[in-house]
Amino acid sequence: MAHNVVVAQGGGPTAVINASLYSMADELSNQLPGSAMLFGARGGIEGVLAERWLDLRRPDAELWRRIRLSPGAALGSCRKMLNREEAARAVEIFCRLDVRYFFCIGGNDSMDTALKVSQAAAAIHYELVVAGVPKTIDNDLLHTDHCPGFGSAARYFAQSAVDLGMDIRALPTPVSILEVMGRNAGWLAAATMAARETDDDAPHLIYVPEVPLSSERFLANVQNAYSRRGWVIAAVSEGVRDESGNAWGERRGAAVDQFGHALPGDAAATLAALVTSQLGLRARSEKPGLCGRSSSALASDVDREEAEAVARFAASHALAGHSGFMAVILREQSRPYSVRYGAVPLESVANVERKLPLEYLTPERNNIAGSYREYVEPLMGEPLRRYAQFEFEAAPRSNK
């Protein structure tokens, strides 16, 4: 029988999430008979519950080519904590539509959604193959070397650090704080270290959520870096916290999303104000925010290729009869760079965050060690753009 398929996207989009959607739709179209329906859920799992569908066989090759290169979630996404009743409702809809395959492209929370749907189907003995396809710029999914979307965001923020460094060198502020996305994991902020070619290059300081940051330590670090160069750029994760565990930035009370995650504040702006008030140095903050995850122009070619490949693997693995898994990327070597693809149980990745290992931090805990470069640079694709600078010599003195 030609059973039907549902594909959904969940959570925050990335620059390459639609590459995964494209390759999955292509692989399924090639492997399944033409009578099988390929439903795209419009708006993630909320689209499933509302039965809002897009026929993924309908777009022609040219539209798919353009969708593949587009940022954002082409099907629409959502952030929703699925409860048991809603998971059961989703399975009821799948039963009625003879859907036997459910694919969810997303991060930790999306894997939770996939797991709950899989459990709901098992509870009524409905044969439903459920598979997760990884996606998150935070790079915090367990059991995969890295996540599609991370490489492109890493490239964006590293290139931003290069460019910002050129600007601040020309007319020192003299302190600039670059805020990088990453609520609980510092993988992305750490990637800004790839901007440096010399010790004098930005960023001079990097702070991640894995290590508490006291105001005293931060101010001392900034003062020391400024005394050496006359200008400072620090990269900070949006989720960086003080020694009491409170997130830096404007407090938003108990505001959380549906999964209980605290909404981030403005860490860079708060730290810049601290520098100005306590050190008397002019400081400003830069917060690219969503631009960091949505820039298709700076997307990594490696990231896009892997986003496609891991989705194709997921489709083939599911059609071979495997269920309840998330596809993963497994690094074989870094130089030359190569990977293979595999699968892990959804139970092992749903609602679990992988933090940046402390071994990647310098002993002072205010920067990232050079060993991280071997991990992150292959994921960023083409080398970052570098710029020429004058070599200034001391001005000649008059004998008069």
Foldseek 3Di string as FASTA:
>chain_A
DQFEEEEEEADWWFQQLLLLVLLLLVLCPVPTDPVYFYWYQQAGLVSLLVVPTDGSVPDDPVVSVVSRLATDDPSHYYQAQDDLVSLLSSVVSCVVRRHQEYEYEEAQASLVSQLSNVVSCVVVVHRHFTEYEFADLQQWFPPFLGGQLVLLLLLLLLLVQLVVQVVCVVPPLAEEEEEGEHAQACLSQQSNVLNDPDCLGPAVWEAEQVDADALVLVLVSQVVNCVVPVHHYYYYYLNHHHPVNHGAADDPDLDDDNVSRHDGHCRRQRSQVSCCVPVVRRYDYDYCDPCSRRDSVQGAPLSNVVSSVQSSVRSVVVVVPHHQWYKHWAWPAQVVTDIDIDIDGSVRGHPGTHHDDCVQADPSNTHGDPVCCSSRVVSNHDRHDHDDDDDDDDDDDDPD
